[in-house]
C-alpha atoms as a PDB file:
ATOM      1  CA  MET A   1       0.000   0.000   0.000  1.00  0.00           C
ATOM      2  CA  LEU A   2       1.263   3.454  -0.941  1.00  0.00           C
ATOM      3  CA  TYR A   3       0.202   6.333   1.303  1.00  0.00           C
ATOM      4  CA  ASP A   4      -0.010   9.830  -0.191  1.00  0.00           C
ATOM      5  CA  ILE A   5       0.281  12.404   2.596  1.00  0.00           C
ATOM      6  CA  ILE A   6      -1.188  15.655   1.262  1.00  0.00           C
ATOM      7  CA  GLY A   7      -0.573  19.115   2.670  1.00  0.00           C
ATOM      8  CA  ASP A   8      -2.851  22.023   3.622  1.00  0.00           C
ATOM      9  CA  ILE A   9      -5.321  22.702   0.783  1.00  0.00           C
ATOM     10  CA  HIS A  10      -6.998  25.895   2.051  1.00  0.00           C
ATOM     11  CA  GLY A  11      -9.933  26.002  -0.321  1.00  0.00           C
ATOM     12  CA  HIS A  12      -8.053  25.234  -3.555  1.00  0.00           C
ATOM     13  CA  ALA A  13      -9.992  22.337  -5.050  1.00  0.00           C
ATOM     14  CA  ASP A  14      -8.472  22.819  -8.491  1.00  0.00           C
ATOM     15  CA  LYS A  15      -4.990  22.154  -7.119  1.00  0.00           C
ATOM     16  CA  LEU A  16      -6.260  19.151  -5.185  1.00  0.00           C
ATOM     17  CA  GLU A  17      -7.942  17.555  -8.197  1.00  0.00           C
ATOM     18  CA  THR A  18      -4.872  18.139 -10.354  1.00  0.00           C
ATOM     19  CA  LEU A  19      -2.654  16.557  -7.689  1.00  0.00           C
ATOM     20  CA  LEU A  20      -4.919  13.535  -7.230  1.00  0.00           C
ATOM     21  CA  LYS A  21      -5.047  12.892 -10.983  1.00  0.00           C
ATOM     22  CA  ARG A  22      -1.271  13.174 -11.258  1.00  0.00           C
ATOM     23  CA  LEU A  23      -0.916  10.619  -8.468  1.00  0.00           C
ATOM     24  CA  GLY A  24      -3.189   8.218 -10.330  1.00  0.00           C
ATOM     25  CA  TYR A  25      -6.522   8.735  -8.549  1.00  0.00           C
ATOM     26  CA  GLY A  26      -9.668   8.701 -10.643  1.00  0.00           C
ATOM     27  CA  ALA A  27     -13.203   9.853  -9.866  1.00  0.00           C
ATOM     28  CA  LYS A  28     -16.105   7.398  -9.881  1.00  0.00           C
ATOM     29  CA  ASN A  29     -19.529   8.713  -8.930  1.00  0.00           C
ATOM     30  CA  GLY A  30     -17.742  11.915  -7.920  1.00  0.00           C
ATOM     31  CA  LYS A  31     -15.420  10.188  -5.432  1.00  0.00           C
ATOM     32  CA  TYR A  32     -11.696   9.794  -6.015  1.00  0.00           C
ATOM     33  CA  SER A  33      -9.887   6.521  -5.393  1.00  0.00           C
ATOM     34  CA  CYS A  34      -6.888   4.552  -6.614  1.00  0.00           C
ATOM     35  CA  ASP A  35      -5.976   0.886  -6.339  1.00  0.00           C
ATOM     36  CA  ASN A  36      -3.205   0.302  -3.784  1.00  0.00           C
ATOM     37  CA  ARG A  37      -3.015   3.991  -2.791  1.00  0.00           C
ATOM     38  CA  THR A  38      -4.552   5.775   0.182  1.00  0.00           C
ATOM     39  CA  ALA A  39      -4.520   9.547   0.669  1.00  0.00           C
ATOM     40  CA  VAL A  40      -3.866  11.034   4.102  1.00  0.00           C
ATOM     41  CA  PHE A  41      -4.789  14.688   4.610  1.00  0.00           C
ATOM     42  CA  VAL A  42      -3.067  16.772   7.305  1.00  0.00           C
ATOM     43  CA  GLY A  43      -5.956  19.210   7.802  1.00  0.00           C
ATOM     44  CA  ASP A  44      -6.645  22.855   6.914  1.00  0.00           C
ATOM     45  CA  PHE A  45      -9.021  22.124   4.063  1.00  0.00           C
ATOM     46  CA  ILE A  46     -10.726  25.508   4.336  1.00  0.00           C
ATOM     47  CA  ASP A  47     -10.185  29.298   4.342  1.00  0.00           C
ATOM     48  CA  ARG A  48      -7.900  31.385   2.118  1.00  0.00           C
ATOM     49  CA  GLY A  49      -9.193  29.912  -1.153  1.00  0.00           C
ATOM     50  CA  THR A  50     -12.667  30.166  -2.696  1.00  0.00           C
ATOM     51  CA  GLN A  51     -13.439  26.471  -3.302  1.00  0.00           C
ATOM     52  CA  ASN A  52     -14.059  25.353   0.260  1.00  0.00           C
ATOM     53  CA  GLN A  53     -17.211  23.374  -0.486  1.00  0.00           C
ATOM     54  CA  LYS A  54     -15.576  21.455  -3.328  1.00  0.00           C
ATOM     55  CA  VAL A  55     -12.526  20.608  -1.226  1.00  0.00           C
ATOM     56  CA  ILE A  56     -14.741  19.284   1.561  1.00  0.00           C
ATOM     57  CA  GLU A  57     -16.766  17.227  -0.929  1.00  0.00           C
ATOM     58  CA  ILE A  58     -13.598  15.627  -2.314  1.00  0.00           C
ATOM     59  CA  VAL A  59     -11.933  14.908   1.021  1.00  0.00           C
ATOM     60  CA  ARG A  60     -15.114  13.738   2.697  1.00  0.00           C
ATOM     61  CA  GLY A  61     -16.034  11.518  -0.239  1.00  0.00           C
ATOM     62  CA  MET A  62     -12.618   9.872  -0.207  1.00  0.00           C
ATOM     63  CA  ILE A  63     -12.841   9.193   3.520  1.00  0.00           C
ATOM     64  CA  GLU A  64     -16.333   7.745   3.152  1.00  0.00           C
ATOM     65  CA  ASN A  65     -15.292   5.365   0.371  1.00  0.00           C
ATOM     66  CA  GLY A  66     -12.218   4.207   2.262  1.00  0.00           C
ATOM     67  CA  SER A  67      -9.609   5.801   0.007  1.00  0.00           C
ATOM     68  CA  ALA A  68      -8.433   8.459   2.488  1.00  0.00           C
ATOM     69  CA  HIS A  69      -7.791   9.372   6.110  1.00  0.00           C
ATOM     70  CA  ALA A  70      -7.589  12.892   7.541  1.00  0.00           C
ATOM     71  CA  VAL A  71      -6.770  14.774  10.725  1.00  0.00           C
ATOM     72  CA  MET A  72      -8.227  18.044  11.989  1.00  0.00           C
ATOM     73  CA  GLY A  73      -6.358  21.238  11.223  1.00  0.00           C
ATOM     74  CA  ASN A  74      -6.488  24.402  13.294  1.00  0.00           C
ATOM     75  CA  HIS A  75      -8.748  25.983  10.648  1.00  0.00           C
ATOM     76  CA  GLU A  76     -11.356  23.237  11.025  1.00  0.00           C
ATOM     77  CA  TYR A  77     -11.081  23.526  14.805  1.00  0.00           C
ATOM     78  CA  ASN A  78     -11.451  27.315  14.593  1.00  0.00           C
ATOM     79  CA  ALA A  79     -14.505  26.917  12.360  1.00  0.00           C
ATOM     80  CA  VAL A  80     -16.150  24.605  14.890  1.00  0.00           C
ATOM     81  CA  CYS A  81     -15.585  27.151  17.658  1.00  0.00           C
ATOM     82  CA  TYR A  82     -16.644  30.107  15.477  1.00  0.00           C
ATOM     83  CA  HIS A  83     -19.981  28.410  14.715  1.00  0.00           C
ATOM     84  CA  THR A  84     -20.650  27.041  18.226  1.00  0.00           C
ATOM     85  CA  PRO A  85     -22.818  29.358  20.372  1.00  0.00           C
ATOM     86  CA  THR A  86     -22.265  29.854  24.088  1.00  0.00           C
ATOM     87  CA  SER A  87     -24.895  30.192  26.806  1.00  0.00           C
ATOM     88  CA  ASP A  88     -24.329  33.953  27.066  1.00  0.00           C
ATOM     89  CA  GLY A  89     -25.232  34.608  23.433  1.00  0.00           C
ATOM     90  CA  GLY A  90     -21.692  34.641  22.091  1.00  0.00           C
ATOM     91  CA  PHE A  91     -19.606  31.985  20.396  1.00  0.00           C
ATOM     92  CA  LEU A  92     -16.660  29.819  21.477  1.00  0.00           C
ATOM     93  CA  ARG A  93     -14.547  31.780  18.995  1.00  0.00           C
ATOM     94  CA  PRO A  94     -15.529  35.450  19.266  1.00  0.00           C
ATOM     95  CA  HIS A  95     -16.813  37.148  16.122  1.00  0.00           C
ATOM     96  CA  THR A  96     -14.309  39.999  16.151  1.00  0.00           C
ATOM     97  CA  GLU A  97     -13.406  41.931  13.030  1.00  0.00           C
ATOM     98  CA  SER A  98     -10.067  40.146  12.642  1.00  0.00           C
ATOM     99  CA  LYS A  99     -11.589  36.684  13.101  1.00  0.00           C
ATOM    100  CA  ASN A 100     -14.423  37.493  10.710  1.00  0.00           C
ATOM    101  CA  ARG A 101     -11.764  38.262   8.090  1.00  0.00           C
ATOM    102  CA  GLN A 102     -10.011  34.960   8.787  1.00  0.00           C
ATOM    103  CA  HIS A 103     -13.236  33.064   8.133  1.00  0.00           C
ATOM    104  CA  GLU A 104     -14.415  35.287   5.274  1.00  0.00           C
ATOM    105  CA  ASN A 105     -14.084  32.881   2.337  1.00  0.00           C
ATOM    106  CA  PHE A 106     -15.524  29.931   4.241  1.00  0.00           C
ATOM    107  CA  LEU A 107     -18.483  32.070   5.324  1.00  0.00           C
ATOM    108  CA  LYS A 108     -19.219  33.047   1.720  1.00  0.00           C
ATOM    109  CA  GLU A 109     -19.919  29.376   0.975  1.00  0.00           C
ATOM    110  CA  PHE A 110     -21.151  28.363   4.428  1.00  0.00           C
ATOM    111  CA  PRO A 111     -23.012  31.300   6.040  1.00  0.00           C
ATOM    112  CA  LEU A 112     -23.468  31.427   9.786  1.00  0.00           C
ATOM    113  CA  GLY A 113     -26.540  29.450  10.852  1.00  0.00           C
ATOM    114  CA  GLY A 114     -27.099  27.747   7.496  1.00  0.00           C
ATOM    115  CA  SER A 115     -28.223  24.112   7.471  1.00  0.00           C
ATOM    116  CA  ASP A 116     -25.336  23.098   5.218  1.00  0.00           C
ATOM    117  CA  THR A 117     -22.944  24.957   7.503  1.00  0.00           C
ATOM    118  CA  LYS A 118     -24.203  23.148  10.584  1.00  0.00           C
ATOM    119  CA  GLU A 119     -23.852  19.799   8.830  1.00  0.00           C
ATOM    120  CA  VAL A 120     -20.280  20.486   7.687  1.00  0.00           C
ATOM    121  CA  VAL A 121     -19.278  21.758  11.135  1.00  0.00           C
ATOM    122  CA  GLU A 122     -20.636  18.534  12.627  1.00  0.00           C
ATOM    123  CA  TRP A 123     -18.450  16.612  10.183  1.00  0.00           C
ATOM    124  CA  PHE A 124     -15.412  18.633  11.210  1.00  0.00           C
ATOM    125  CA  LYS A 125     -16.013  17.400  14.759  1.00  0.00           C
ATOM    126  CA  THR A 126     -15.533  13.794  13.620  1.00  0.00           C
ATOM    127  CA  LEU A 127     -11.951  14.438  12.500  1.00  0.00           C
ATOM    128  CA  PRO A 128      -9.255  12.963  14.772  1.00  0.00           C
ATOM    129  CA  LEU A 129      -6.571  15.164  16.278  1.00  0.00           C
ATOM    130  CA  TYR A 130      -3.919  12.686  15.168  1.00  0.00           C
ATOM    131  CA  LEU A 131      -3.354   9.371  13.381  1.00  0.00           C
ATOM    132  CA  ASP A 132      -0.847   6.805  14.616  1.00  0.00           C
ATOM    133  CA  PHE A 133      -0.282   3.982  12.141  1.00  0.00           C
ATOM    134  CA  ASP A 134       2.080   1.064  12.613  1.00  0.00           C
ATOM    135  CA  HIS A 135       4.800   2.670  10.512  1.00  0.00           C
ATOM    136  CA  PHE A 136       4.065   6.437  10.454  1.00  0.00           C
ATOM    137  CA  ARG A 137       2.192   9.221  12.227  1.00  0.00           C
ATOM    138  CA  VAL A 138       0.185  12.255  11.145  1.00  0.00           C
ATOM    139  CA  ILE A 139      -0.778  15.404  13.028  1.00  0.00           C
ATOM    140  CA  HIS A 140      -1.544  18.930  11.904  1.00  0.00           C
ATOM    141  CA  ALA A 141       1.117  20.969  13.705  1.00  0.00           C
ATOM    142  CA  CYS A 142       3.136  19.239  16.443  1.00  0.00           C
ATOM    143  CA  TRP A 143       3.720  15.653  17.533  1.00  0.00           C
ATOM    144  CA  ASP A 144       4.238  15.838  21.291  1.00  0.00           C
ATOM    145  CA  GLU A 145       4.116  12.456  23.028  1.00  0.00           C
ATOM    146  CA  GLN A 146       3.402  13.963  26.443  1.00  0.00           C
ATOM    147  CA  ALA A 147       0.608  16.192  25.154  1.00  0.00           C
ATOM    148  CA  ILE A 148      -0.928  13.279  23.263  1.00  0.00           C
ATOM    149  CA  ASP A 149      -0.895  11.173  26.430  1.00  0.00           C
ATOM    150  CA  GLN A 150      -2.472  13.991  28.419  1.00  0.00           C
ATOM    151  CA  VAL A 151      -5.223  14.702  25.884  1.00  0.00           C
ATOM    152  CA  GLN A 152      -6.468  11.088  25.756  1.00  0.00           C
ATOM    153  CA  SER A 153      -9.140  11.523  28.428  1.00  0.00           C
ATOM    154  CA  TYR A 154     -10.726  14.273  26.323  1.00  0.00           C
ATOM    155  CA  LEU A 155     -10.899  12.182  23.144  1.00  0.00           C
ATOM    156  CA  ASN A 156     -13.232   9.586  21.692  1.00  0.00           C
ATOM    157  CA  ASN A 157     -11.870   6.186  20.678  1.00  0.00           C
ATOM    158  CA  ASP A 158     -11.204   7.503  17.159  1.00  0.00           C
ATOM    159  CA  ASN A 159      -9.067  10.374  18.577  1.00  0.00           C
ATOM    160  CA  SER A 160     -11.673  13.039  17.810  1.00  0.00           C
ATOM    161  CA  LEU A 161     -12.403  15.562  20.545  1.00  0.00           C
ATOM    162  CA  LYS A 162     -15.440  14.708  22.680  1.00  0.00           C
ATOM    163  CA  LEU A 163     -18.310  17.035  21.824  1.00  0.00           C
ATOM    164  CA  ASP A 164     -18.789  18.268  25.391  1.00  0.00           C
ATOM    165  CA  MET A 165     -15.111  19.181  25.605  1.00  0.00           C
ATOM    166  CA  TYR A 166     -15.192  21.974  23.007  1.00  0.00           C
ATOM    167  CA  PRO A 167     -16.117  24.696  25.543  1.00  0.00           C
ATOM    168  CA  LYS A 168     -13.186  23.736  27.767  1.00  0.00           C
ATOM    169  CA  SER A 169     -10.850  23.495  24.765  1.00  0.00           C
ATOM    170  CA  ALA A 170     -11.724  27.098  23.875  1.00  0.00           C
ATOM    171  CA  THR A 171     -11.213  28.406  27.421  1.00  0.00           C
ATOM    172  CA  LYS A 172      -7.823  30.081  27.741  1.00  0.00           C
ATOM    173  CA  ASN A 173      -5.549  28.841  30.525  1.00  0.00           C
ATOM    174  CA  SER A 174      -7.366  25.490  30.772  1.00  0.00           C
ATOM    175  CA  ASP A 175      -5.214  22.400  30.395  1.00  0.00           C
ATOM    176  CA  LEU A 176      -7.202  21.284  27.343  1.00  0.00           C
ATOM    177  CA  PHE A 177      -6.817  24.690  25.679  1.00  0.00           C
ATOM    178  CA  ASP A 178      -3.046  24.413  26.028  1.00  0.00           C
ATOM    179  CA  LEU A 179      -3.004  20.853  24.691  1.00  0.00           C
ATOM    180  CA  VAL A 180      -5.085  21.679  21.614  1.00  0.00           C
ATOM    181  CA  GLU A 181      -3.005  24.794  20.962  1.00  0.00           C
ATOM    182  CA  ARG A 182       0.179  22.715  20.980  1.00  0.00           C
ATOM    183  CA  LEU A 183      -1.083  19.848  18.824  1.00  0.00           C
ATOM    184  CA  LEU A 184      -2.931  21.974  16.242  1.00  0.00           C
ATOM    185  CA  LYS A 185      -0.931  25.212  16.274  1.00  0.00           C
ATOM    186  CA  GLY A 186       2.608  24.330  17.362  1.00  0.00           C
ATOM    187  CA  VAL A 187       5.027  25.252  20.133  1.00  0.00           C
ATOM    188  CA  GLU A 188       5.918  28.719  21.375  1.00  0.00           C
ATOM    189  CA  ILE A 189       8.614  29.519  23.928  1.00  0.00           C
ATOM    190  CA  LYS A 190       9.628  32.674  25.762  1.00  0.00           C
ATOM    191  CA  LEU A 191      12.723  34.542  24.679  1.00  0.00           C
ATOM    192  CA  PRO A 192      15.223  35.149  27.494  1.00  0.00           C
ATOM    193  CA  GLU A 193      15.377  38.636  28.961  1.00  0.00           C
ATOM    194  CA  PRO A 194      15.780  41.256  27.629  1.00  0.00           C
ATOM    195  CA  TYR A 195      14.967  39.978  24.138  1.00  0.00           C
ATOM    196  CA  SER A 196      11.718  40.781  22.345  1.00  0.00           C
ATOM    197  CA  PHE A 197      10.531  41.714  18.860  1.00  0.00           C
ATOM    198  CA  LYS A 198       7.681  43.550  17.185  1.00  0.00           C
ATOM    199  CA  ASP A 199       5.108  41.708  15.103  1.00  0.00           C
ATOM    200  CA  LYS A 200       3.643  42.892  11.806  1.00  0.00           C
ATOM    201  CA  ASP A 201       1.200  45.122  13.704  1.00  0.00           C
ATOM    202  CA  GLY A 202       3.974  46.723  15.745  1.00  0.00           C
ATOM    203  CA  LYS A 203       3.067  44.914  18.961  1.00  0.00           C
ATOM    204  CA  GLU A 204       5.955  43.864  21.180  1.00  0.00           C
ATOM    205  CA  ARG A 205       6.240  40.096  21.527  1.00  0.00           C
ATOM    206  CA  HIS A 206       8.291  37.964  23.911  1.00  0.00           C
ATOM    207  CA  HIS A 207       7.387  34.469  22.637  1.00  0.00           C
ATOM    208  CA  ILE A 208       8.499  32.764  19.425  1.00  0.00           C
ATOM    209  CA  ARG A 209       7.250  29.756  17.492  1.00  0.00           C
ATOM    210  CA  VAL A 210       9.930  27.074  17.274  1.00  0.00           C
ATOM    211  CA  LYS A 211      10.878  23.995  15.261  1.00  0.00           C
ATOM    212  CA  TRP A 212      10.047  21.018  17.459  1.00  0.00           C
ATOM    213  CA  TRP A 213      11.786  18.943  14.804  1.00  0.00           C
ATOM    214  CA  GLY A 214      15.052  20.781  15.471  1.00  0.00           C
ATOM    215  CA  ASP A 215      18.045  19.782  17.588  1.00  0.00           C
ATOM    216  CA  ALA A 216      18.011  20.002  21.369  1.00  0.00           C
ATOM    217  CA  ASP A 217      21.359  21.830  21.452  1.00  0.00           C
ATOM    218  CA  ALA A 218      20.312  24.498  18.928  1.00  0.00           C
ATOM    219  CA  SER A 219      19.997  28.214  19.673  1.00  0.00           C
ATOM    220  CA  TYR A 220      16.899  30.390  19.930  1.00  0.00           C
ATOM    221  CA  ARG A 221      17.844  31.901  16.580  1.00  0.00           C
ATOM    222  CA  ASP A 222      18.165  28.508  14.870  1.00  0.00           C
ATOM    223  CA  LEU A 223      14.968  27.069  16.334  1.00  0.00           C
ATOM    224  CA  ALA A 224      12.753  30.091  15.660  1.00  0.00           C
ATOM    225  CA  PHE A 225      10.482  29.642  12.646  1.00  0.00           C
ATOM    226  CA  GLY A 226       9.038  32.238  10.294  1.00  0.00           C
ATOM    227  CA  TYR A 227      10.419  35.571  11.521  1.00  0.00           C
ATOM    228  CA  GLY A 228      12.448  36.656   8.507  1.00  0.00           C
ATOM    229  CA  ASP A 229      15.113  39.286   9.129  1.00  0.00           C
ATOM    230  CA  GLU A 230      13.830  39.767  12.680  1.00  0.00           C
ATOM    231  CA  GLN A 231      15.191  36.323  13.489  1.00  0.00           C
ATOM    232  CA  GLU A 232      18.756  37.623  13.183  1.00  0.00           C
ATOM    233  CA  THR A 233      18.194  39.610  16.371  1.00  0.00           C
ATOM    234  CA  PHE A 234      17.303  36.522  18.426  1.00  0.00           C
ATOM    235  CA  PRO A 235      19.920  35.158  20.857  1.00  0.00           C
ATOM    236  CA  THR A 236      22.479  32.582  19.742  1.00  0.00           C
ATOM    237  CA  SER A 237      22.518  30.907  23.148  1.00  0.00           C
ATOM    238  CA  THR A 238      21.220  27.354  23.523  1.00  0.00           C
ATOM    239  CA  VAL A 239      17.526  27.156  24.347  1.00  0.00           C
ATOM    240  CA  SER A 240      16.823  26.559  28.025  1.00  0.00           C
ATOM    241  CA  GLU A 241      15.640  23.084  29.035  1.00  0.00           C
ATOM    242  CA  GLU A 242      12.752  24.840  30.787  1.00  0.00           C
ATOM    243  CA  ALA A 243      11.401  25.832  27.363  1.00  0.00           C
ATOM    244  CA  ASP A 244       9.654  22.433  27.124  1.00  0.00           C
ATOM    245  CA  ILE A 245      10.159  21.758  23.422  1.00  0.00           C
ATOM    246  CA  PRO A 246       9.080  18.199  22.486  1.00  0.00           C
ATOM    247  CA  PHE A 247      12.064  17.413  20.244  1.00  0.00           C
ATOM    248  CA  TYR A 248      11.237  14.467  17.990  1.00  0.00           C
ATOM    249  CA  GLY A 249      13.397  11.389  18.527  1.00  0.00           C
ATOM    250  CA  GLN A 250      15.610  10.104  15.737  1.00  0.00           C
ATOM    251  CA  GLY A 251      14.456   6.528  16.329  1.00  0.00           C
ATOM    252  CA  SER A 252      10.737   7.339  16.286  1.00  0.00           C
ATOM    253  CA  ARG A 253       8.369   6.407  13.458  1.00  0.00           C
ATOM    254  CA  PRO A 254       8.208   8.926  10.601  1.00  0.00           C
ATOM    255  CA  VAL A 255       5.858  11.808  11.359  1.00  0.00           C
ATOM    256  CA  PHE A 256       4.054  14.009   8.812  1.00  0.00           C
ATOM    257  CA  PHE A 257       2.434  17.389   9.460  1.00  0.00           C
ATOM    258  CA  GLY A 258       1.345  20.625   7.789  1.00  0.00           C
ATOM    259  CA  HIS A 259       0.638  24.105   9.189  1.00  0.00           C
ATOM    260  CA  TYR A 260       3.991  25.844   8.720  1.00  0.00           C
ATOM    261  CA  TRP A 261       3.753  27.539   5.293  1.00  0.00           C
ATOM    262  CA  MET A 262       7.069  26.235   4.004  1.00  0.00           C
ATOM    263  CA  LYS A 263       8.504  27.731   0.820  1.00  0.00           C
ATOM    264  CA  GLY A 264      10.834  26.608  -1.936  1.00  0.00           C
ATOM    265  CA  THR A 265      11.590  23.076  -3.073  1.00  0.00           C
ATOM    266  CA  PRO A 266      10.017  20.501  -0.747  1.00  0.00           C
ATOM    267  CA  LYS A 267      12.443  18.549   1.396  1.00  0.00           C
ATOM    268  CA  VAL A 268      12.229  16.413   4.498  1.00  0.00           C
ATOM    269  CA  GLN A 269      13.204  18.080   7.774  1.00  0.00           C
ATOM    270  CA  LYS A 270      14.913  14.931   9.065  1.00  0.00           C
ATOM    271  CA  ASP A 271      15.101  11.270   8.087  1.00  0.00           C
ATOM    272  CA  ASN A 272      11.852  10.730   9.995  1.00  0.00           C
ATOM    273  CA  VAL A 273      10.204  14.191   9.956  1.00  0.00           C
ATOM    274  CA  CYS A 274       8.320  15.753   7.048  1.00  0.00           C
ATOM    275  CA  CYS A 275       6.205  18.897   6.621  1.00  0.00           C
ATOM    276  CA  VAL A 276       3.911  18.832   3.588  1.00  0.00           C
ATOM    277  CA  ASP A 277       2.553  22.398   3.805  1.00  0.00           C
ATOM    278  CA  TYR A 278       4.123  24.578   1.127  1.00  0.00           C
ATOM    279  CA  SER A 279       1.756  27.556   1.182  1.00  0.00           C
ATOM    280  CA  ALA A 280      -0.877  26.356  -1.303  1.00  0.00           C
ATOM    281  CA  GLY A 281      -3.293  28.764   0.345  1.00  0.00           C
ATOM    282  CA  ILE A 282      -1.318  31.833  -0.724  1.00  0.00           C
ATOM    283  CA  GLY A 283      -0.058  30.883  -4.171  1.00  0.00           C
ATOM    284  CA  GLY A 284       2.451  28.202  -3.234  1.00  0.00           C
ATOM    285  CA  ASP A 285       2.477  24.541  -4.197  1.00  0.00           C
ATOM    286  CA  LEU A 286       0.137  21.842  -3.000  1.00  0.00           C
ATOM    287  CA  VAL A 287       2.520  19.091  -1.918  1.00  0.00           C
ATOM    288  CA  CYS A 288       2.276  15.345  -1.406  1.00  0.00           C
ATOM    289  CA  TYR A 289       4.788  12.912   0.056  1.00  0.00           C
ATOM    290  CA  SER A 290       4.266   9.304  -1.109  1.00  0.00           C
ATOM    291  CA  LEU A 291       5.252   6.750   1.513  1.00  0.00           C
ATOM    292  CA  ASP A 292       5.775   3.069   0.702  1.00  0.00           C
ATOM    293  CA  GLN A 293       5.687   1.181   3.988  1.00  0.00           C
ATOM    294  CA  THR A 294       7.669  -1.718   2.541  1.00  0.00           C
ATOM    295  CA  ASN A 295      10.874   0.164   1.851  1.00  0.00           C
ATOM    296  CA  GLU A 296      10.789   3.588   3.507  1.00  0.00           C
ATOM    297  CA  ALA A 297       9.835   2.996   7.120  1.00  0.00           C
ATOM    298  CA  GLY A 298      13.345   3.921   8.245  1.00  0.00           C
ATOM    299  CA  LYS A 299      14.240   6.938   6.118  1.00  0.00           C
ATOM    300  CA  LEU A 300      12.247   9.576   4.248  1.00  0.00           C
ATOM    301  CA  LEU A 301      13.492  10.637   0.817  1.00  0.00           C
ATOM    302  CA  ASN A 302      13.228  13.972  -0.989  1.00  0.00           C
ATOM    303  CA  LYS A 303      12.516  12.236  -4.300  1.00  0.00           C
ATOM    304  CA  ASN A 304       9.102  11.129  -3.052  1.00  0.00           C
ATOM    305  CA  PHE A 305       7.474  14.567  -3.180  1.00  0.00           C
ATOM    306  CA  THR A 306       4.923  15.514  -5.827  1.00  0.00           C
ATOM    307  CA  THR A 307       4.024  19.191  -6.232  1.00  0.00           C
ATOM    308  CA  ILE A 308       1.288  21.094  -8.058  1.00  0.00           C
END
């Protein structure tokens, strides 16, 4: 069996269909499948692009006919919270101006309160937070063994979040909020004093997102991810052990994830670590890594990427 791990689609159904056809999948009764191949989606099917409904139809159809698996991305999780009312008349994810903009393209196809919207949001809730196969693993943003162990009591048997746990998961400073943030959005650590930086809105920040797939003896500057020229101002000292970064073990099963808006030519991060998100949502490539369990369980290879 060949597994095709496909990156963040973000509402670009045309790219997805082109990729599936290039990989050898064909559509029958509107549902894609391929003999001896199974697609695995890393989440973030929606937002950014304008073909959200079509993407959901394709992914959902493939899961239903047994030709795909998928995990929840932070955009699906955010959509669930945005569309889930609270007892005080609000929503689990507040409808602020900035968040309305983030959901804008999804809302154009799935308006708030619509019957189709409610049905799709209910489907989002069935998506597992992670997949752990015999020879590889899939999660949207960060594989953290400790966090995965701790989140188990909040999950159903299929690793989807229990329905009554969504309010707690959206409550800042709760243990479940922190766990979901880490698994679906990645790891942030505090810069040592007196370091800080200003974000794109000019707000001073003291925490940075880091590469959990990096090396334990690396510096703050080397482990920081996505800060451009600003990163050159970060300290070159080794990150403190108190930072609690779940560095991924060299002997662990290969892990695949999305979320990080990589750029350039796709390449594996380590022999057993691979990001398949290459910014398809903002004009980049939609990327797939094809994994053959019979000969690649030990080492991932750059030649196995397909890009559209």
